[in-house]
Amino acid sequence: MIRVVDCGVIDYGTAWNTQRRYFDGLLAETAERSAEPVVDKHEESGEKARGVLMLCEHPHVYTLGKSGHANNLLVSETFLKSIGASYYHIDRGGDITYHGYGQLVGYPILDLLSLDERGIGLKEYIHRLEESVIETIAEWGVVGRRVEHATGVWLEANATRPERKICAIGVKASHYVTMHGFALNVTTDLKYFNYINPCGFTDKGVTSLAAELADAGREVPALAEVKRAYVRHFERLFGACEWA
């Protein structure tokens, strides 16, 4: 069973430390399980999904992935402090991104080998993360898509807007246990992306569910509603969930 933990608004450092505790605990648990004698390995791999899905919002913060380029931060750290934003260089994949109010952030800490009958690999995991967001925003008539060599969820260019990202994804995995995750812009103030090259791109835009629905003259859902919808789709793709 995957436990869903709603952390509400939480500062990035606290959330990162919480992730690491869950991650280290699940790593230790999977190591213990792998050391146990198992008669039928196929049966063992078919166990129910194990892990935690942390959901939260962060106060203004910029995070740079381990392989990211610091020059994609276009302002000084002093300037970030002046606008009330924090900055972290962290251990996920990907480049720089922004987290802030009105953004649904999800951190799945999962044992990938507990998913499906035989477990799944990292490529399939990221594909499913993207799919969970694509299915969620489709509930409001927004059509998300994948772009080759550009992880995340994107919206196709139209007559008035370029190709644009609505959800960033960056993960870490060790021994098939994951951490970090996704950030879906719901009612996010997009001006904060002006201070970076989002995810390292200089030729693509960013958007939010609110911006897309406003353009279409449709009502914007509350973040709590999007959160509930997301968990439904996550559960279908990853396994049974229970709210903590």
C-alpha atoms as a PDB file:
ATOM      1  CA  MET A   1       0.000   0.000   0.000  1.00  0.00           C
ATOM      2  CA  ILE A   2       1.207   3.500  -0.860  1.00  0.00           C
ATOM      3  CA  ARG A   3       0.601   6.012   1.923  1.00  0.00           C
ATOM      4  CA  VAL A   4      -0.446   9.515   0.808  1.00  0.00           C
ATOM      5  CA  VAL A   5       0.880  12.206   3.149  1.00  0.00           C
ATOM      6  CA  ASP A   6      -0.504  15.723   2.648  1.00  0.00           C
ATOM      7  CA  CYS A   7       2.126  18.069   4.091  1.00  0.00           C
ATOM      8  CA  GLY A   8       0.308  21.287   3.149  1.00  0.00           C
ATOM      9  CA  VAL A   9       2.635  24.289   2.854  1.00  0.00           C
ATOM     10  CA  ILE A  10       6.111  23.255   3.982  1.00  0.00           C
ATOM     11  CA  ASP A  11       9.522  24.848   3.489  1.00  0.00           C
ATOM     12  CA  TYR A  12      11.780  23.049   1.056  1.00  0.00           C
ATOM     13  CA  GLY A  13      14.516  22.089   3.513  1.00  0.00           C
ATOM     14  CA  THR A  14      12.067  20.411   5.872  1.00  0.00           C
ATOM     15  CA  ALA A  15      10.408  18.544   3.004  1.00  0.00           C
ATOM     16  CA  TRP A  16      13.780  17.392   1.655  1.00  0.00           C
ATOM     17  CA  ASN A  17      14.782  16.041   5.063  1.00  0.00           C
ATOM     18  CA  THR A  18      11.427  14.275   5.389  1.00  0.00           C
ATOM     19  CA  GLN A  19      11.872  12.715   1.955  1.00  0.00           C
ATOM     20  CA  ARG A  20      15.303  11.440   2.906  1.00  0.00           C
ATOM     21  CA  ARG A  21      13.955   9.806   6.063  1.00  0.00           C
ATOM     22  CA  TYR A  22      11.290   7.979   4.071  1.00  0.00           C
ATOM     23  CA  PHE A  23      13.836   7.133   1.355  1.00  0.00           C
ATOM     24  CA  ASP A  24      16.437   5.751   3.778  1.00  0.00           C
ATOM     25  CA  GLY A  25      13.762   3.773   5.604  1.00  0.00           C
ATOM     26  CA  LEU A  26      12.425   2.209   2.420  1.00  0.00           C
ATOM     27  CA  LEU A  27      15.964   1.414   1.225  1.00  0.00           C
ATOM     28  CA  ALA A  28      16.652  -0.385   4.502  1.00  0.00           C
ATOM     29  CA  GLU A  29      13.358  -2.255   4.251  1.00  0.00           C
ATOM     30  CA  THR A  30      14.026  -3.412   0.690  1.00  0.00           C
ATOM     31  CA  ALA A  31      17.555  -4.501   1.655  1.00  0.00           C
ATOM     32  CA  GLU A  32      16.119  -6.626   4.464  1.00  0.00           C
ATOM     33  CA  ARG A  33      13.569  -8.173   2.127  1.00  0.00           C
ATOM     34  CA  SER A  34      16.199  -9.002  -0.490  1.00  0.00           C
ATOM     35  CA  ALA A  35      18.285 -10.748   2.173  1.00  0.00           C
ATOM     36  CA  GLU A  36      15.410 -13.038   3.129  1.00  0.00           C
ATOM     37  CA  PRO A  37      15.267 -16.461   1.429  1.00  0.00           C
ATOM     38  CA  VAL A  38      12.479 -16.517  -1.154  1.00  0.00           C
ATOM     39  CA  VAL A  39      11.281 -19.706  -2.783  1.00  0.00           C
ATOM     40  CA  ASP A  40       9.380 -18.013  -5.612  1.00  0.00           C
ATOM     41  CA  LYS A  41      10.988 -14.753  -6.775  1.00  0.00           C
ATOM     42  CA  HIS A  42       8.121 -14.086  -9.182  1.00  0.00           C
ATOM     43  CA  GLU A  43       5.645 -14.287  -6.317  1.00  0.00           C
ATOM     44  CA  GLU A  44       7.829 -11.973  -4.216  1.00  0.00           C
ATOM     45  CA  SER A  45       7.958  -9.312  -6.941  1.00  0.00           C
ATOM     46  CA  GLY A  46       4.167  -9.402  -7.208  1.00  0.00           C
ATOM     47  CA  GLU A  47       3.630  -7.965  -3.730  1.00  0.00           C
ATOM     48  CA  LYS A  48       1.540  -4.845  -3.317  1.00  0.00           C
ATOM     49  CA  ALA A  49       3.116  -1.479  -4.067  1.00  0.00           C
ATOM     50  CA  ARG A  50       5.109  -0.039  -1.194  1.00  0.00           C
ATOM     51  CA  GLY A  51       6.043   3.535  -0.409  1.00  0.00           C
ATOM     52  CA  VAL A  52       4.861   7.055   0.339  1.00  0.00           C
ATOM     53  CA  LEU A  53       3.477   9.858  -1.818  1.00  0.00           C
ATOM     54  CA  MET A  54       4.227  13.233  -0.220  1.00  0.00           C
ATOM     55  CA  LEU A  55       2.065  16.090  -1.519  1.00  0.00           C
ATOM     56  CA  CYS A  56       2.824  19.703  -0.657  1.00  0.00           C
ATOM     57  CA  GLU A  57       3.300  23.333  -1.612  1.00  0.00           C
ATOM     58  CA  HIS A  58       6.523  25.222  -0.995  1.00  0.00           C
ATOM     59  CA  PRO A  59       7.169  28.882  -0.210  1.00  0.00           C
ATOM     60  CA  HIS A  60       9.240  30.498  -2.984  1.00  0.00           C
ATOM     61  CA  VAL A  61      12.306  28.361  -3.689  1.00  0.00           C
ATOM     62  CA  TYR A  62      14.618  27.533  -6.589  1.00  0.00           C
ATOM     63  CA  THR A  63      16.282  24.123  -6.831  1.00  0.00           C
ATOM     64  CA  LEU A  64      19.170  23.104  -9.071  1.00  0.00           C
ATOM     65  CA  GLY A  65      19.637  19.439  -9.954  1.00  0.00           C
ATOM     66  CA  LYS A  66      22.955  17.649  -9.557  1.00  0.00           C
ATOM     67  CA  SER A  67      23.754  17.884 -13.283  1.00  0.00           C
ATOM     68  CA  GLY A  68      22.276  21.359 -13.711  1.00  0.00           C
ATOM     69  CA  HIS A  69      24.118  24.513 -14.717  1.00  0.00           C
ATOM     70  CA  ALA A  70      24.302  27.348 -12.196  1.00  0.00           C
ATOM     71  CA  ASN A  71      24.233  29.932 -15.000  1.00  0.00           C
ATOM     72  CA  ASN A  72      20.582  29.014 -15.602  1.00  0.00           C
ATOM     73  CA  LEU A  73      19.887  31.065 -12.484  1.00  0.00           C
ATOM     74  CA  LEU A  74      19.717  34.522 -14.058  1.00  0.00           C
ATOM     75  CA  VAL A  75      19.882  36.576 -10.852  1.00  0.00           C
ATOM     76  CA  SER A  76      22.064  36.586  -7.755  1.00  0.00           C
ATOM     77  CA  GLU A  77      21.278  34.697  -4.579  1.00  0.00           C
ATOM     78  CA  THR A  78      21.165  38.103  -2.883  1.00  0.00           C
ATOM     79  CA  PHE A  79      18.327  39.077  -5.204  1.00  0.00           C
ATOM     80  CA  LEU A  80      16.506  35.828  -4.408  1.00  0.00           C
ATOM     81  CA  LYS A  81      16.691  36.650  -0.717  1.00  0.00           C
ATOM     82  CA  SER A  82      15.276  40.100  -1.441  1.00  0.00           C
ATOM     83  CA  ILE A  83      12.135  38.529  -2.948  1.00  0.00           C
ATOM     84  CA  GLY A  84      11.822  35.987  -0.147  1.00  0.00           C
ATOM     85  CA  ALA A  85      13.065  33.007  -2.141  1.00  0.00           C
ATOM     86  CA  SER A  86      15.438  30.244  -1.059  1.00  0.00           C
ATOM     87  CA  TYR A  87      17.935  28.360  -3.229  1.00  0.00           C
ATOM     88  CA  TYR A  88      19.090  24.739  -2.976  1.00  0.00           C
ATOM     89  CA  HIS A  89      21.537  22.624  -4.984  1.00  0.00           C
ATOM     90  CA  ILE A  90      20.055  19.150  -4.645  1.00  0.00           C
ATOM     91  CA  ASP A  91      20.557  15.506  -5.598  1.00  0.00           C
ATOM     92  CA  ARG A  92      17.842  14.974  -8.216  1.00  0.00           C
ATOM     93  CA  GLY A  93      18.214  14.803 -11.972  1.00  0.00           C
ATOM     94  CA  GLY A  94      17.418  17.764 -14.190  1.00  0.00           C
ATOM     95  CA  ASP A  95      18.361  21.427 -14.136  1.00  0.00           C
ATOM     96  CA  ILE A  96      16.875  24.427 -12.330  1.00  0.00           C
ATOM     97  CA  THR A  97      13.224  24.918 -11.459  1.00  0.00           C
ATOM     98  CA  TYR A  98      10.987  27.056  -9.283  1.00  0.00           C
ATOM     99  CA  HIS A  99       8.549  25.954  -6.582  1.00  0.00           C
ATOM    100  CA  GLY A 100       5.986  28.239  -5.020  1.00  0.00           C
ATOM    101  CA  TYR A 101       2.459  28.770  -3.808  1.00  0.00           C
ATOM    102  CA  GLY A 102      -0.297  27.406  -6.036  1.00  0.00           C
ATOM    103  CA  GLN A 103       1.895  24.565  -7.274  1.00  0.00           C
ATOM    104  CA  LEU A 104       1.096  20.919  -6.569  1.00  0.00           C
ATOM    105  CA  VAL A 105       4.387  19.237  -5.681  1.00  0.00           C
ATOM    106  CA  GLY A 106       4.535  15.467  -5.357  1.00  0.00           C
ATOM    107  CA  TYR A 107       7.366  13.340  -3.997  1.00  0.00           C
ATOM    108  CA  PRO A 108       6.749   9.615  -4.541  1.00  0.00           C
ATOM    109  CA  ILE A 109       9.143   7.547  -2.430  1.00  0.00           C
ATOM    110  CA  LEU A 110       8.459   4.139  -3.952  1.00  0.00           C
ATOM    111  CA  ASP A 111       9.950   0.674  -4.188  1.00  0.00           C
ATOM    112  CA  LEU A 112       9.774   0.215  -7.962  1.00  0.00           C
ATOM    113  CA  LEU A 113      10.283  -3.531  -7.642  1.00  0.00           C
ATOM    114  CA  SER A 114       7.009  -3.745  -5.715  1.00  0.00           C
ATOM    115  CA  LEU A 115       4.998  -2.343  -8.643  1.00  0.00           C
ATOM    116  CA  ASP A 116       3.135  -4.594 -11.064  1.00  0.00           C
ATOM    117  CA  GLU A 117       3.958  -8.287 -11.209  1.00  0.00           C
ATOM    118  CA  ARG A 118       7.672  -7.947 -11.892  1.00  0.00           C
ATOM    119  CA  GLY A 119       8.501  -4.400 -10.882  1.00  0.00           C
ATOM    120  CA  ILE A 120       9.257  -1.488 -13.213  1.00  0.00           C
ATOM    121  CA  GLY A 121      12.395   0.388 -14.259  1.00  0.00           C
ATOM    122  CA  LEU A 122      13.189   4.083 -14.002  1.00  0.00           C
ATOM    123  CA  LYS A 123      12.188   4.883 -17.595  1.00  0.00           C
ATOM    124  CA  GLU A 124       8.745   3.363 -17.100  1.00  0.00           C
ATOM    125  CA  TYR A 125       8.436   5.106 -13.740  1.00  0.00           C
ATOM    126  CA  ILE A 126       9.031   8.547 -15.278  1.00  0.00           C
ATOM    127  CA  HIS A 127       6.629   7.693 -18.116  1.00  0.00           C
ATOM    128  CA  ARG A 128       3.930   6.905 -15.545  1.00  0.00           C
ATOM    129  CA  LEU A 129       4.640  10.071 -13.577  1.00  0.00           C
ATOM    130  CA  GLU A 130       4.112  12.065 -16.763  1.00  0.00           C
ATOM    131  CA  GLU A 131       0.960  10.085 -17.521  1.00  0.00           C
ATOM    132  CA  SER A 132      -0.472  10.732 -14.048  1.00  0.00           C
ATOM    133  CA  VAL A 133      -0.216  14.484 -14.676  1.00  0.00           C
ATOM    134  CA  ILE A 134      -1.477  14.252 -18.273  1.00  0.00           C
ATOM    135  CA  GLU A 135      -4.574  12.395 -17.062  1.00  0.00           C
ATOM    136  CA  THR A 136      -5.120  14.842 -14.201  1.00  0.00           C
ATOM    137  CA  ILE A 137      -5.098  18.031 -16.274  1.00  0.00           C
ATOM    138  CA  ALA A 138      -7.273  16.334 -18.904  1.00  0.00           C
ATOM    139  CA  GLU A 139     -10.103  16.457 -16.354  1.00  0.00           C
ATOM    140  CA  TRP A 140     -10.169  20.217 -17.019  1.00  0.00           C
ATOM    141  CA  GLY A 141      -9.838  19.889 -20.786  1.00  0.00           C
ATOM    142  CA  VAL A 142      -6.121  20.716 -20.917  1.00  0.00           C
ATOM    143  CA  VAL A 143      -4.196  18.444 -23.271  1.00  0.00           C
ATOM    144  CA  GLY A 144      -0.719  17.583 -22.013  1.00  0.00           C
ATOM    145  CA  ARG A 145       1.929  15.783 -24.017  1.00  0.00           C
ATOM    146  CA  ARG A 146       5.468  14.474 -23.850  1.00  0.00           C
ATOM    147  CA  VAL A 147       8.381  16.026 -25.723  1.00  0.00           C
ATOM    148  CA  GLU A 148      11.328  13.881 -26.783  1.00  0.00           C
ATOM    149  CA  HIS A 149      14.474  14.514 -24.705  1.00  0.00           C
ATOM    150  CA  ALA A 150      12.567  16.924 -22.428  1.00  0.00           C
ATOM    151  CA  THR A 151      11.155  15.216 -19.354  1.00  0.00           C
ATOM    152  CA  GLY A 152       7.914  16.630 -17.953  1.00  0.00           C
ATOM    153  CA  VAL A 153       4.481  17.523 -19.283  1.00  0.00           C
ATOM    154  CA  TRP A 154       4.144  20.057 -22.071  1.00  0.00           C
ATOM    155  CA  LEU A 155       1.413  21.852 -23.993  1.00  0.00           C
ATOM    156  CA  GLU A 156       1.595  22.146 -27.752  1.00  0.00           C
ATOM    157  CA  ALA A 157       2.301  25.529 -29.327  1.00  0.00           C
ATOM    158  CA  ASN A 158      -0.716  27.402 -30.655  1.00  0.00           C
ATOM    159  CA  ALA A 159      -1.385  30.665 -32.474  1.00  0.00           C
ATOM    160  CA  THR A 160      -0.689  32.795 -29.400  1.00  0.00           C
ATOM    161  CA  ARG A 161       1.702  30.750 -27.258  1.00  0.00           C
ATOM    162  CA  PRO A 162       4.879  28.728 -27.800  1.00  0.00           C
ATOM    163  CA  GLU A 163       5.347  25.166 -26.652  1.00  0.00           C
ATOM    164  CA  ARG A 164       5.247  25.427 -22.863  1.00  0.00           C
ATOM    165  CA  LYS A 165       5.789  23.301 -19.792  1.00  0.00           C
ATOM    166  CA  ILE A 166       3.066  22.879 -17.202  1.00  0.00           C
ATOM    167  CA  CYS A 167       4.803  20.267 -15.049  1.00  0.00           C
ATOM    168  CA  ALA A 168       8.481  19.696 -14.261  1.00  0.00           C
ATOM    169  CA  ILE A 169       9.795  16.263 -13.281  1.00  0.00           C
ATOM    170  CA  GLY A 170      13.124  15.412 -11.667  1.00  0.00           C
ATOM    171  CA  VAL A 171      13.891  12.271  -9.690  1.00  0.00           C
ATOM    172  CA  LYS A 172      16.566  10.331  -7.881  1.00  0.00           C
ATOM    173  CA  ALA A 173      16.684   6.532  -7.607  1.00  0.00           C
ATOM    174  CA  SER A 174      18.903   4.086  -5.757  1.00  0.00           C
ATOM    175  CA  HIS A 175      18.390   0.317  -5.760  1.00  0.00           C
ATOM    176  CA  TYR A 176      14.994   0.936  -7.395  1.00  0.00           C
ATOM    177  CA  VAL A 177      13.825   3.241  -4.598  1.00  0.00           C
ATOM    178  CA  THR A 178      12.814   6.743  -5.722  1.00  0.00           C
ATOM    179  CA  MET A 179      12.636  10.251  -4.296  1.00  0.00           C
ATOM    180  CA  HIS A 180      11.968  13.793  -5.558  1.00  0.00           C
ATOM    181  CA  GLY A 181       9.210  13.926  -8.182  1.00  0.00           C
ATOM    182  CA  PHE A 182       7.013  16.462  -9.981  1.00  0.00           C
ATOM    183  CA  ALA A 183       5.761  20.050  -9.734  1.00  0.00           C
ATOM    184  CA  LEU A 184       2.470  20.873 -11.467  1.00  0.00           C
ATOM    185  CA  ASN A 185       1.666  24.561 -11.934  1.00  0.00           C
ATOM    186  CA  VAL A 186      -1.964  25.051 -10.900  1.00  0.00           C
ATOM    187  CA  THR A 187      -2.361  28.699  -9.830  1.00  0.00           C
ATOM    188  CA  THR A 188       1.378  29.401  -9.667  1.00  0.00           C
ATOM    189  CA  ASP A 189       2.558  33.002 -10.175  1.00  0.00           C
ATOM    190  CA  LEU A 190       4.562  32.466 -13.358  1.00  0.00           C
ATOM    191  CA  LYS A 191       6.602  35.681 -13.021  1.00  0.00           C
ATOM    192  CA  TYR A 192       8.998  33.787 -10.735  1.00  0.00           C
ATOM    193  CA  PHE A 193      10.132  31.727 -13.719  1.00  0.00           C
ATOM    194  CA  ASN A 194      11.518  34.934 -15.278  1.00  0.00           C
ATOM    195  CA  TYR A 195      14.573  34.661 -13.037  1.00  0.00           C
ATOM    196  CA  ILE A 196      15.716  31.309 -14.475  1.00  0.00           C
ATOM    197  CA  ASN A 197      16.019  29.323 -17.668  1.00  0.00           C
ATOM    198  CA  PRO A 198      13.397  26.789 -16.552  1.00  0.00           C
ATOM    199  CA  CYS A 199      14.831  23.270 -16.655  1.00  0.00           C
ATOM    200  CA  GLY A 200      17.717  24.749 -18.645  1.00  0.00           C
ATOM    201  CA  PHE A 201      15.598  25.749 -21.669  1.00  0.00           C
ATOM    202  CA  THR A 202      15.875  29.188 -23.249  1.00  0.00           C
ATOM    203  CA  ASP A 203      13.422  28.631 -26.119  1.00  0.00           C
ATOM    204  CA  LYS A 204      10.348  27.243 -24.345  1.00  0.00           C
ATOM    205  CA  GLY A 205       7.708  28.782 -22.126  1.00  0.00           C
ATOM    206  CA  VAL A 206       5.988  27.827 -18.890  1.00  0.00           C
ATOM    207  CA  THR A 207       2.307  27.823 -18.072  1.00  0.00           C
ATOM    208  CA  SER A 208      -0.186  26.840 -15.409  1.00  0.00           C
ATOM    209  CA  LEU A 209      -3.584  25.205 -15.285  1.00  0.00           C
ATOM    210  CA  ALA A 210      -5.045  28.570 -14.268  1.00  0.00           C
ATOM    211  CA  ALA A 211      -3.467  30.381 -17.236  1.00  0.00           C
ATOM    212  CA  GLU A 212      -4.738  27.824 -19.718  1.00  0.00           C
ATOM    213  CA  LEU A 213      -8.267  27.784 -18.283  1.00  0.00           C
ATOM    214  CA  ALA A 214      -8.404  31.585 -18.120  1.00  0.00           C
ATOM    215  CA  ASP A 215      -7.543  31.746 -21.821  1.00  0.00           C
ATOM    216  CA  ALA A 216     -10.476  29.435 -22.493  1.00  0.00           C
ATOM    217  CA  GLY A 217     -12.817  31.328 -20.164  1.00  0.00           C
ATOM    218  CA  ARG A 218     -13.207  28.351 -17.848  1.00  0.00           C
ATOM    219  CA  GLU A 219     -13.302  28.154 -14.067  1.00  0.00           C
ATOM    220  CA  VAL A 220     -10.037  27.416 -12.257  1.00  0.00           C
ATOM    221  CA  PRO A 221     -10.206  24.568  -9.717  1.00  0.00           C
ATOM    222  CA  ALA A 222      -8.893  24.860  -6.177  1.00  0.00           C
ATOM    223  CA  LEU A 223      -5.553  23.202  -5.509  1.00  0.00           C
ATOM    224  CA  ALA A 224      -7.266  20.747  -3.139  1.00  0.00           C
ATOM    225  CA  GLU A 225      -9.521  19.574  -5.976  1.00  0.00           C
ATOM    226  CA  VAL A 226      -6.561  19.038  -8.299  1.00  0.00           C
ATOM    227  CA  LYS A 227      -4.768  17.168  -5.511  1.00  0.00           C
ATOM    228  CA  ARG A 228      -7.664  14.727  -5.081  1.00  0.00           C
ATOM    229  CA  ALA A 229      -7.892  14.181  -8.829  1.00  0.00           C
ATOM    230  CA  TYR A 230      -4.156  13.572  -9.027  1.00  0.00           C
ATOM    231  CA  VAL A 231      -4.229  10.861  -6.358  1.00  0.00           C
ATOM    232  CA  ARG A 232      -6.976   9.009  -8.257  1.00  0.00           C
ATOM    233  CA  HIS A 233      -4.832   8.841 -11.383  1.00  0.00           C
ATOM    234  CA  PHE A 234      -1.648   8.084  -9.442  1.00  0.00           C
ATOM    235  CA  GLU A 235      -3.393   5.161  -7.758  1.00  0.00           C
ATOM    236  CA  ARG A 236      -4.506   3.693 -11.079  1.00  0.00           C
ATOM    237  CA  LEU A 237      -0.969   3.845 -12.454  1.00  0.00           C
ATOM    238  CA  PHE A 238       1.084   2.882  -9.399  1.00  0.00           C
ATOM    239  CA  GLY A 239      -1.077   0.905  -6.987  1.00  0.00           C
ATOM    240  CA  ALA A 240      -3.493   1.133  -4.092  1.00  0.00           C
ATOM    241  CA  CYS A 241      -3.195   4.257  -1.932  1.00  0.00           C
ATOM    242  CA  GLU A 242      -4.431   5.267   1.493  1.00  0.00           C
ATOM    243  CA  TRP A 243      -4.444   8.782   2.951  1.00  0.00           C
ATOM    244  CA  ALA A 244      -2.389   9.084   6.120  1.00  0.00           C
END
